[in-house]
Amino acid sequence: MNAVGGPGPNRAVESLLAFWAESGVDAMLLDAPVDRIAEGQAARLAPVAQLKPRLAAAAPVAPATPEAGPRIAEARALAAAAGDIEALAAAIAGFDGCPLKFEGAAQRSVFYRGSLTAPVFVIGEGPGAEEDAQGLPFVGRAGKLLDRMLAPAGLAERVFITNTVFWRPPGNRTPTPAEQKVCLPFVERAIELISPKIILLVGGASAKAMLRREEGILSLRGRWFEWRAEGADREIPALPTLHPAFLLRQPAAKKRAWSDLLTLVERLDRPDRPV
């Protein structure tokens, strides 16, 4: 998703937090700092049992959400009934089972852009503000950077681009696994309809959701995996890479993302070459 950062120290803090998030750091022990020196040696060595009430009080309480099972089943039925991409787009637009649709998004689904005969299927994490406004994925600052990377790699006309979810998460936050799971049947059906040769997973949220892995993107990127839909026989090579929004915050990492694209192109054009 696109990110907006302020100038000066705030930008540096944002970049550091983004780096931790992309590296897989997604939790902390306490929400507020504790002066261990003031509390003394006894507090520093306090048993875990004494900390549990404090941790429980600090932990946010997740809001109640509708049962996921029926919503996923509905998504699967709608996706299976879609005979082509346009029918799938209509099914997504009419689907009310993803809470994101009603949590601040423009309620216009953001499904895809690109070629319907693309050999490369690109999956990001979710729409940002510009995507929400235009109804197309990867059209903001991060999307423009993605296009500038795809073009010199010879991939500009060879990609189908979508996301793991089709509505903008509030505040451009990362979509939750539950939100991704309810949208997954549509993503899988799109892959089936496009029938790509390779899947490019852009960013940690996409790579974790599609590969069912827990590692951070800095560990997953540049490595080949075999993706397969649940219950399907065909396996498709999948390559995780860094998200363009991360590259905007950490320009030094662009060379790693470029290396990933070159690896993908080599595999695409020489499919029999060992990886």
C-alpha atoms as a PDB file:
ATOM      1  CA  MET A   1       0.000   0.000   0.000  1.00  0.00           C
ATOM      2  CA  ASN A   2       1.063   3.555  -0.434  1.00  0.00           C
ATOM      3  CA  ALA A   3       2.571   5.280   2.571  1.00  0.00           C
ATOM      4  CA  VAL A   4       2.714   8.958   3.433  1.00  0.00           C
ATOM      5  CA  GLY A   5       5.538  10.113   5.665  1.00  0.00           C
ATOM      6  CA  GLY A   6       6.309  13.460   7.273  1.00  0.00           C
ATOM      7  CA  PRO A   7       9.607  15.327   7.055  1.00  0.00           C
ATOM      8  CA  GLY A   8      12.521  15.237   9.432  1.00  0.00           C
ATOM      9  CA  PRO A   9      12.713  12.942  12.474  1.00  0.00           C
ATOM     10  CA  ASN A  10       9.176  11.656  11.980  1.00  0.00           C
ATOM     11  CA  ARG A  11      10.171  10.223   8.597  1.00  0.00           C
ATOM     12  CA  ALA A  12      13.162   8.475  10.168  1.00  0.00           C
ATOM     13  CA  VAL A  13      10.986   6.913  12.869  1.00  0.00           C
ATOM     14  CA  GLU A  14       8.445   5.811  10.253  1.00  0.00           C
ATOM     15  CA  SER A  15      11.190   4.208   8.192  1.00  0.00           C
ATOM     16  CA  LEU A  16      12.550   2.331  11.204  1.00  0.00           C
ATOM     17  CA  LEU A  17       9.108   1.027  12.167  1.00  0.00           C
ATOM     18  CA  ALA A  18       8.470  -0.009   8.575  1.00  0.00           C
ATOM     19  CA  PHE A  19      11.798  -1.846   8.478  1.00  0.00           C
ATOM     20  CA  TRP A  20      10.883  -3.758  11.659  1.00  0.00           C
ATOM     21  CA  ALA A  21       7.455  -4.632  10.250  1.00  0.00           C
ATOM     22  CA  GLU A  22       8.898  -5.906   6.965  1.00  0.00           C
ATOM     23  CA  SER A  23      11.433  -7.930   8.960  1.00  0.00           C
ATOM     24  CA  GLY A  24       8.634  -9.780  10.740  1.00  0.00           C
ATOM     25  CA  VAL A  25       8.553  -7.855  14.056  1.00  0.00           C
ATOM     26  CA  ASP A  26       4.853  -7.605  14.832  1.00  0.00           C
ATOM     27  CA  ALA A  27       4.559  -7.502  18.618  1.00  0.00           C
ATOM     28  CA  MET A  28       6.042  -5.980  21.752  1.00  0.00           C
ATOM     29  CA  LEU A  29       5.913  -6.993  25.397  1.00  0.00           C
ATOM     30  CA  LEU A  30       4.336  -3.844  26.802  1.00  0.00           C
ATOM     31  CA  ASP A  31       2.662  -0.768  25.384  1.00  0.00           C
ATOM     32  CA  ALA A  32       4.380   1.600  27.847  1.00  0.00           C
ATOM     33  CA  PRO A  33       8.044   1.773  28.979  1.00  0.00           C
ATOM     34  CA  VAL A  34       8.910   0.561  32.481  1.00  0.00           C
ATOM     35  CA  ASP A  35      11.687   2.119  34.609  1.00  0.00           C
ATOM     36  CA  ARG A  36      13.402  -1.066  35.778  1.00  0.00           C
ATOM     37  CA  ILE A  37      16.033   0.850  37.729  1.00  0.00           C
ATOM     38  CA  ALA A  38      13.343   2.575  39.790  1.00  0.00           C
ATOM     39  CA  GLU A  39      11.575  -0.679  40.406  1.00  0.00           C
ATOM     40  CA  GLY A  40      14.782  -2.277  41.555  1.00  0.00           C
ATOM     41  CA  GLN A  41      16.353  -5.679  41.083  1.00  0.00           C
ATOM     42  CA  ALA A  42      13.273  -7.498  42.372  1.00  0.00           C
ATOM     43  CA  ALA A  43      11.099  -6.004  39.629  1.00  0.00           C
ATOM     44  CA  ARG A  44      13.601  -6.914  36.938  1.00  0.00           C
ATOM     45  CA  LEU A  45      13.543 -10.521  38.084  1.00  0.00           C
ATOM     46  CA  ALA A  46       9.811 -10.688  38.717  1.00  0.00           C
ATOM     47  CA  PRO A  47       8.314 -14.020  37.676  1.00  0.00           C
ATOM     48  CA  VAL A  48       6.280 -14.142  34.514  1.00  0.00           C
ATOM     49  CA  ALA A  49       3.148 -14.798  36.511  1.00  0.00           C
ATOM     50  CA  GLN A  50       3.354 -11.306  38.008  1.00  0.00           C
ATOM     51  CA  LEU A  51       3.551  -9.744  34.563  1.00  0.00           C
ATOM     52  CA  LYS A  52       0.526 -11.522  33.110  1.00  0.00           C
ATOM     53  CA  PRO A  53      -2.115  -9.158  34.575  1.00  0.00           C
ATOM     54  CA  ARG A  54      -0.186  -6.150  33.231  1.00  0.00           C
ATOM     55  CA  LEU A  55       0.129  -7.716  29.781  1.00  0.00           C
ATOM     56  CA  ALA A  56      -3.532  -8.689  29.761  1.00  0.00           C
ATOM     57  CA  ALA A  57      -4.551  -5.141  30.649  1.00  0.00           C
ATOM     58  CA  ALA A  58      -2.345  -3.702  27.901  1.00  0.00           C
ATOM     59  CA  ALA A  59      -3.533  -6.106  25.199  1.00  0.00           C
ATOM     60  CA  PRO A  60      -6.173  -4.625  22.876  1.00  0.00           C
ATOM     61  CA  VAL A  61      -9.505  -6.383  22.676  1.00  0.00           C
ATOM     62  CA  ALA A  62     -10.402  -7.380  19.137  1.00  0.00           C
ATOM     63  CA  PRO A  63     -13.913  -6.337  18.064  1.00  0.00           C
ATOM     64  CA  ALA A  64     -16.428  -9.044  17.431  1.00  0.00           C
ATOM     65  CA  THR A  65     -16.657 -10.082  13.790  1.00  0.00           C
ATOM     66  CA  PRO A  66     -19.124 -12.311  11.933  1.00  0.00           C
ATOM     67  CA  GLU A  67     -18.283 -15.993  11.720  1.00  0.00           C
ATOM     68  CA  ALA A  68     -15.669 -16.426   8.985  1.00  0.00           C
ATOM     69  CA  GLY A  69     -16.696 -19.899   7.818  1.00  0.00           C
ATOM     70  CA  PRO A  70     -19.947 -18.962   6.061  1.00  0.00           C
ATOM     71  CA  ARG A  71     -18.353 -15.863   4.494  1.00  0.00           C
ATOM     72  CA  ILE A  72     -15.466 -17.915   3.089  1.00  0.00           C
ATOM     73  CA  ALA A  73     -17.935 -20.510   1.787  1.00  0.00           C
ATOM     74  CA  GLU A  74     -19.916 -17.755   0.063  1.00  0.00           C
ATOM     75  CA  ALA A  75     -16.725 -16.349  -1.477  1.00  0.00           C
ATOM     76  CA  ARG A  76     -15.796 -19.786  -2.796  1.00  0.00           C
ATOM     77  CA  ALA A  77     -19.209 -20.280  -4.356  1.00  0.00           C
ATOM     78  CA  LEU A  78     -19.190 -16.857  -6.020  1.00  0.00           C
ATOM     79  CA  ALA A  79     -15.631 -17.317  -7.265  1.00  0.00           C
ATOM     80  CA  ALA A  80     -16.306 -20.786  -8.673  1.00  0.00           C
ATOM     81  CA  ALA A  81     -19.340 -19.506 -10.576  1.00  0.00           C
ATOM     82  CA  ALA A  82     -17.336 -16.760 -12.318  1.00  0.00           C
ATOM     83  CA  GLY A  83     -16.502 -17.908 -15.846  1.00  0.00           C
ATOM     84  CA  ASP A  84     -14.105 -15.085 -16.683  1.00  0.00           C
ATOM     85  CA  ILE A  85     -12.272 -12.181 -15.087  1.00  0.00           C
ATOM     86  CA  GLU A  86     -15.067  -9.668 -15.653  1.00  0.00           C
ATOM     87  CA  ALA A  87     -17.582 -12.004 -14.031  1.00  0.00           C
ATOM     88  CA  LEU A  88     -15.149 -12.436 -11.141  1.00  0.00           C
ATOM     89  CA  ALA A  89     -14.809  -8.651 -10.825  1.00  0.00           C
ATOM     90  CA  ALA A  90     -18.597  -8.371 -10.601  1.00  0.00           C
ATOM     91  CA  ALA A  91     -18.717 -11.115  -7.965  1.00  0.00           C
ATOM     92  CA  ILE A  92     -16.104  -9.312  -5.868  1.00  0.00           C
ATOM     93  CA  ALA A  93     -17.928  -5.990  -6.199  1.00  0.00           C
ATOM     94  CA  GLY A  94     -21.157  -7.569  -4.946  1.00  0.00           C
ATOM     95  CA  PHE A  95     -19.542  -9.516  -2.109  1.00  0.00           C
ATOM     96  CA  ASP A  96     -20.329  -8.144   1.362  1.00  0.00           C
ATOM     97  CA  GLY A  97     -18.452 -10.759   3.371  1.00  0.00           C
ATOM     98  CA  CYS A  98     -15.223  -8.806   3.860  1.00  0.00           C
ATOM     99  CA  PRO A  99     -15.558  -6.266   6.726  1.00  0.00           C
ATOM    100  CA  LEU A 100     -13.082  -3.933   5.008  1.00  0.00           C
ATOM    101  CA  LYS A 101     -15.798  -2.979   2.550  1.00  0.00           C
ATOM    102  CA  PHE A 102     -17.601  -1.149   5.352  1.00  0.00           C
ATOM    103  CA  GLU A 103     -14.659   0.184   7.371  1.00  0.00           C
ATOM    104  CA  GLY A 104     -13.838   3.399   5.562  1.00  0.00           C
ATOM    105  CA  ALA A 105     -13.190   2.238   2.013  1.00  0.00           C
ATOM    106  CA  ALA A 106     -15.044   3.916  -0.826  1.00  0.00           C
ATOM    107  CA  GLN A 107     -16.934   0.597  -1.120  1.00  0.00           C
ATOM    108  CA  ARG A 108     -15.688   0.301  -4.698  1.00  0.00           C
ATOM    109  CA  SER A 109     -13.712  -2.887  -4.958  1.00  0.00           C
ATOM    110  CA  VAL A 110     -10.137  -2.637  -6.227  1.00  0.00           C
ATOM    111  CA  PHE A 111      -9.533  -5.822  -8.185  1.00  0.00           C
ATOM    112  CA  TYR A 112      -6.948  -5.775 -10.976  1.00  0.00           C
ATOM    113  CA  ARG A 113      -5.084  -4.101 -13.787  1.00  0.00           C
ATOM    114  CA  GLY A 114      -2.875  -5.589 -16.469  1.00  0.00           C
ATOM    115  CA  SER A 115      -2.983  -8.262 -19.128  1.00  0.00           C
ATOM    116  CA  LEU A 116      -5.547 -11.069 -19.094  1.00  0.00           C
ATOM    117  CA  THR A 117      -2.982 -13.319 -20.783  1.00  0.00           C
ATOM    118  CA  ALA A 118      -0.111 -12.362 -18.482  1.00  0.00           C
ATOM    119  CA  PRO A 119       2.528 -14.982 -17.664  1.00  0.00           C
ATOM    120  CA  VAL A 120       3.308 -13.194 -14.378  1.00  0.00           C
ATOM    121  CA  PHE A 121       0.650 -12.823 -11.677  1.00  0.00           C
ATOM    122  CA  VAL A 122       1.553 -10.042  -9.200  1.00  0.00           C
ATOM    123  CA  ILE A 123      -0.067 -10.045  -5.748  1.00  0.00           C
ATOM    124  CA  GLY A 124       0.339  -7.127  -3.344  1.00  0.00           C
ATOM    125  CA  GLU A 125      -1.241  -6.729   0.078  1.00  0.00           C
ATOM    126  CA  GLY A 126      -4.132  -4.271  -0.310  1.00  0.00           C
ATOM    127  CA  PRO A 127      -5.308  -0.976  -1.807  1.00  0.00           C
ATOM    128  CA  GLY A 128      -4.118   2.385  -0.509  1.00  0.00           C
ATOM    129  CA  ALA A 129      -5.766   5.806  -0.767  1.00  0.00           C
ATOM    130  CA  GLU A 130      -5.061   6.338  -4.473  1.00  0.00           C
ATOM    131  CA  GLU A 131      -6.135   2.801  -5.315  1.00  0.00           C
ATOM    132  CA  ASP A 132      -9.340   3.262  -3.332  1.00  0.00           C
ATOM    133  CA  ALA A 133     -10.073   6.493  -5.210  1.00  0.00           C
ATOM    134  CA  GLN A 134      -9.323   5.135  -8.694  1.00  0.00           C
ATOM    135  CA  GLY A 135     -10.514   1.545  -8.276  1.00  0.00           C
ATOM    136  CA  LEU A 136      -7.215   0.121  -9.574  1.00  0.00           C
ATOM    137  CA  PRO A 137      -4.340  -1.564  -7.697  1.00  0.00           C
ATOM    138  CA  PHE A 138      -0.832  -0.080  -7.490  1.00  0.00           C
ATOM    139  CA  VAL A 139      -1.527   3.379  -8.948  1.00  0.00           C
ATOM    140  CA  GLY A 140      -0.095   5.527  -6.139  1.00  0.00           C
ATOM    141  CA  ARG A 141       3.550   6.296  -5.405  1.00  0.00           C
ATOM    142  CA  ALA A 142       4.375   2.653  -4.701  1.00  0.00           C
ATOM    143  CA  GLY A 143       2.555   1.549  -7.836  1.00  0.00           C
ATOM    144  CA  LYS A 144       4.434   4.035  -9.998  1.00  0.00           C
ATOM    145  CA  LEU A 145       7.705   2.710  -8.598  1.00  0.00           C
ATOM    146  CA  LEU A 146       6.575  -0.842  -9.358  1.00  0.00           C
ATOM    147  CA  ASP A 147       5.857   0.167 -12.958  1.00  0.00           C
ATOM    148  CA  ARG A 148       9.282   1.813 -13.255  1.00  0.00           C
ATOM    149  CA  MET A 149      10.850  -1.457 -12.145  1.00  0.00           C
ATOM    150  CA  LEU A 150       8.733  -3.738 -14.333  1.00  0.00           C
ATOM    151  CA  ALA A 151       9.349  -1.783 -17.545  1.00  0.00           C
ATOM    152  CA  PRO A 152      13.158  -2.142 -17.810  1.00  0.00           C
ATOM    153  CA  ALA A 153      12.816  -5.800 -16.784  1.00  0.00           C
ATOM    154  CA  GLY A 154      10.620  -6.317 -19.854  1.00  0.00           C
ATOM    155  CA  LEU A 155       7.546  -7.116 -17.774  1.00  0.00           C
ATOM    156  CA  ALA A 156       5.365  -4.040 -18.288  1.00  0.00           C
ATOM    157  CA  GLU A 157       2.951  -5.831 -20.651  1.00  0.00           C
ATOM    158  CA  ARG A 158       3.381  -9.267 -19.094  1.00  0.00           C
ATOM    159  CA  VAL A 159       1.753  -8.845 -15.682  1.00  0.00           C
ATOM    160  CA  PHE A 160      -1.662  -9.160 -14.067  1.00  0.00           C
ATOM    161  CA  ILE A 161      -1.712  -7.136 -10.836  1.00  0.00           C
ATOM    162  CA  THR A 162      -4.017  -7.610  -7.844  1.00  0.00           C
ATOM    163  CA  ASN A 163      -3.918  -7.759  -4.029  1.00  0.00           C
ATOM    164  CA  THR A 164      -4.763 -10.150  -1.207  1.00  0.00           C
ATOM    165  CA  VAL A 165      -7.768  -7.955  -0.290  1.00  0.00           C
ATOM    166  CA  PHE A 166      -9.903  -5.713  -2.496  1.00  0.00           C
ATOM    167  CA  TRP A 167     -10.866  -2.859  -0.160  1.00  0.00           C
ATOM    168  CA  ARG A 168      -8.615  -0.343   1.567  1.00  0.00           C
ATOM    169  CA  PRO A 169      -7.875  -1.187   5.212  1.00  0.00           C
ATOM    170  CA  PRO A 170      -8.463   1.815   7.523  1.00  0.00           C
ATOM    171  CA  GLY A 171      -5.400   4.010   7.824  1.00  0.00           C
ATOM    172  CA  ASN A 172      -3.596   1.915   5.208  1.00  0.00           C
ATOM    173  CA  ARG A 173      -2.868  -0.704   7.844  1.00  0.00           C
ATOM    174  CA  THR A 174      -1.796  -4.213   6.878  1.00  0.00           C
ATOM    175  CA  PRO A 175      -4.780  -6.490   6.187  1.00  0.00           C
ATOM    176  CA  THR A 176      -5.362  -9.130   8.817  1.00  0.00           C
ATOM    177  CA  PRO A 177      -5.047 -12.862   8.055  1.00  0.00           C
ATOM    178  CA  ALA A 178      -8.820 -13.180   8.541  1.00  0.00           C
ATOM    179  CA  GLU A 179      -9.488 -10.474   5.956  1.00  0.00           C
ATOM    180  CA  GLN A 180      -7.084 -12.128   3.542  1.00  0.00           C
ATOM    181  CA  LYS A 181      -8.645 -15.565   4.018  1.00  0.00           C
ATOM    182  CA  VAL A 182     -12.128 -14.367   3.160  1.00  0.00           C
ATOM    183  CA  CYS A 183     -10.804 -12.821  -0.077  1.00  0.00           C
ATOM    184  CA  LEU A 184      -8.518 -15.749  -0.927  1.00  0.00           C
ATOM    185  CA  PRO A 185     -11.089 -17.729  -2.992  1.00  0.00           C
ATOM    186  CA  PHE A 186     -11.305 -14.783  -5.394  1.00  0.00           C
ATOM    187  CA  VAL A 187      -7.512 -14.534  -5.671  1.00  0.00           C
ATOM    188  CA  GLU A 188      -7.251 -18.283  -6.317  1.00  0.00           C
ATOM    189  CA  ARG A 189      -9.978 -18.129  -8.977  1.00  0.00           C
ATOM    190  CA  ALA A 190      -8.190 -15.230 -10.679  1.00  0.00           C
ATOM    191  CA  ILE A 191      -5.001 -17.282 -10.788  1.00  0.00           C
ATOM    192  CA  GLU A 192      -6.953 -20.184 -12.267  1.00  0.00           C
ATOM    193  CA  LEU A 193      -8.499 -17.964 -14.948  1.00  0.00           C
ATOM    194  CA  ILE A 194      -5.268 -16.175 -15.894  1.00  0.00           C
ATOM    195  CA  SER A 195      -3.189 -19.367 -15.662  1.00  0.00           C
ATOM    196  CA  PRO A 196       0.175 -17.617 -15.181  1.00  0.00           C
ATOM    197  CA  LYS A 197       3.589 -19.228 -15.367  1.00  0.00           C
ATOM    198  CA  ILE A 198       4.945 -17.420 -12.291  1.00  0.00           C
ATOM    199  CA  ILE A 199       3.504 -15.622  -9.257  1.00  0.00           C
ATOM    200  CA  LEU A 200       5.307 -12.556  -7.871  1.00  0.00           C
ATOM    201  CA  LEU A 201       4.417 -11.926  -4.219  1.00  0.00           C
ATOM    202  CA  VAL A 202       4.991  -8.281  -3.352  1.00  0.00           C
ATOM    203  CA  GLY A 203       5.603  -7.588   0.335  1.00  0.00           C
ATOM    204  CA  GLY A 204       5.485  -9.580   3.541  1.00  0.00           C
ATOM    205  CA  ALA A 205       1.702  -9.602   3.977  1.00  0.00           C
ATOM    206  CA  SER A 206       1.227 -11.086   0.515  1.00  0.00           C
ATOM    207  CA  ALA A 207       4.032 -13.636   0.821  1.00  0.00           C
ATOM    208  CA  LYS A 208       2.909 -14.868   4.249  1.00  0.00           C
ATOM    209  CA  ALA A 209      -0.732 -15.183   3.229  1.00  0.00           C
ATOM    210  CA  MET A 210      -0.194 -16.914  -0.106  1.00  0.00           C
ATOM    211  CA  LEU A 211       2.637 -19.214   0.990  1.00  0.00           C
ATOM    212  CA  ARG A 212       1.254 -19.863   4.489  1.00  0.00           C
ATOM    213  CA  ARG A 213       4.632 -18.945   5.997  1.00  0.00           C
ATOM    214  CA  GLU A 214       5.527 -17.019   9.138  1.00  0.00           C
ATOM    215  CA  GLU A 215       8.942 -15.634   8.176  1.00  0.00           C
ATOM    216  CA  GLY A 216       9.428 -11.951   7.443  1.00  0.00           C
ATOM    217  CA  ILE A 217       9.855 -10.709   3.898  1.00  0.00           C
ATOM    218  CA  LEU A 218      13.606 -10.140   4.329  1.00  0.00           C
ATOM    219  CA  SER A 219      13.916 -13.877   4.907  1.00  0.00           C
ATOM    220  CA  LEU A 220      11.475 -14.945   2.175  1.00  0.00           C
ATOM    221  CA  ARG A 221      12.479 -12.595  -0.657  1.00  0.00           C
ATOM    222  CA  GLY A 222      14.516 -13.915  -3.516  1.00  0.00           C
ATOM    223  CA  ARG A 223      13.650 -17.555  -2.742  1.00  0.00           C
ATOM    224  CA  TRP A 224      11.540 -19.755  -4.991  1.00  0.00           C
ATOM    225  CA  PHE A 225       8.483 -21.543  -3.602  1.00  0.00           C
ATOM    226  CA  GLU A 226       5.776 -23.670  -5.176  1.00  0.00           C
ATOM    227  CA  TRP A 227       2.270 -22.263  -4.736  1.00  0.00           C
ATOM    228  CA  ARG A 228      -0.799 -24.437  -5.036  1.00  0.00           C
ATOM    229  CA  ALA A 229      -4.430 -23.668  -4.328  1.00  0.00           C
ATOM    230  CA  GLU A 230      -6.130 -25.853  -1.754  1.00  0.00           C
ATOM    231  CA  GLY A 231      -7.413 -28.986  -3.446  1.00  0.00           C
ATOM    232  CA  ALA A 232      -5.646 -28.205  -6.741  1.00  0.00           C
ATOM    233  CA  ASP A 233      -3.007 -30.311  -8.480  1.00  0.00           C
ATOM    234  CA  ARG A 234      -1.069 -27.676 -10.395  1.00  0.00           C
ATOM    235  CA  GLU A 235       1.876 -25.980  -8.684  1.00  0.00           C
ATOM    236  CA  ILE A 236       3.062 -22.546  -9.812  1.00  0.00           C
ATOM    237  CA  PRO A 237       6.521 -21.131  -9.019  1.00  0.00           C
ATOM    238  CA  ALA A 238       6.198 -18.163  -6.656  1.00  0.00           C
ATOM    239  CA  LEU A 239       8.825 -15.559  -5.828  1.00  0.00           C
ATOM    240  CA  PRO A 240       8.453 -13.116  -2.901  1.00  0.00           C
ATOM    241  CA  THR A 241      10.033  -9.681  -3.187  1.00  0.00           C
ATOM    242  CA  LEU A 242      10.075  -6.377  -1.325  1.00  0.00           C
ATOM    243  CA  HIS A 243       7.078  -4.049  -1.513  1.00  0.00           C
ATOM    244  CA  PRO A 244       7.640  -0.793  -3.437  1.00  0.00           C
ATOM    245  CA  ALA A 245       6.311   1.173  -0.440  1.00  0.00           C
ATOM    246  CA  PHE A 246       9.164  -0.299   1.601  1.00  0.00           C
ATOM    247  CA  LEU A 247      11.626   0.621  -1.150  1.00  0.00           C
ATOM    248  CA  LEU A 248      10.412   4.234  -1.022  1.00  0.00           C
ATOM    249  CA  ARG A 249      11.343   4.302   2.656  1.00  0.00           C
ATOM    250  CA  GLN A 250      14.534   2.250   2.249  1.00  0.00           C
ATOM    251  CA  PRO A 251      16.009   3.139  -1.183  1.00  0.00           C
ATOM    252  CA  ALA A 252      19.154   1.107  -0.500  1.00  0.00           C
ATOM    253  CA  ALA A 253      17.015  -2.050  -0.703  1.00  0.00           C
ATOM    254  CA  LYS A 254      16.045  -1.386  -4.342  1.00  0.00           C
ATOM    255  CA  LYS A 255      18.994  -3.401  -5.628  1.00  0.00           C
ATOM    256  CA  ARG A 256      17.647  -6.497  -3.861  1.00  0.00           C
ATOM    257  CA  ALA A 257      14.208  -6.053  -5.408  1.00  0.00           C
ATOM    258  CA  TRP A 258      15.794  -5.508  -8.823  1.00  0.00           C
ATOM    259  CA  SER A 259      17.812  -8.689  -8.370  1.00  0.00           C
ATOM    260  CA  ASP A 260      14.554 -10.532  -7.619  1.00  0.00           C
ATOM    261  CA  LEU A 261      12.997  -9.260 -10.861  1.00  0.00           C
ATOM    262  CA  LEU A 262      16.011 -10.354 -12.895  1.00  0.00           C
ATOM    263  CA  THR A 263      15.767 -13.797 -11.292  1.00  0.00           C
ATOM    264  CA  LEU A 264      12.079 -13.934 -12.217  1.00  0.00           C
ATOM    265  CA  VAL A 265      12.711 -12.927 -15.828  1.00  0.00           C
ATOM    266  CA  GLU A 266      15.399 -15.571 -16.191  1.00  0.00           C
ATOM    267  CA  ARG A 267      13.037 -18.232 -14.830  1.00  0.00           C
ATOM    268  CA  LEU A 268      10.203 -16.970 -17.025  1.00  0.00           C
ATOM    269  CA  ASP A 269      12.168 -16.973 -20.249  1.00  0.00           C
ATOM    270  CA  ARG A 270      14.190 -20.106 -19.497  1.00  0.00           C
ATOM    271  CA  PRO A 271      11.695 -22.262 -17.528  1.00  0.00           C
ATOM    272  CA  ASP A 272      13.813 -25.390 -17.761  1.00  0.00           C
ATOM    273  CA  ARG A 273      16.818 -23.765 -16.111  1.00  0.00           C
ATOM    274  CA  PRO A 274      17.300 -25.042 -12.517  1.00  0.00           C
ATOM    275  CA  VAL A 275      16.541 -22.472  -9.818  1.00  0.00           C
END
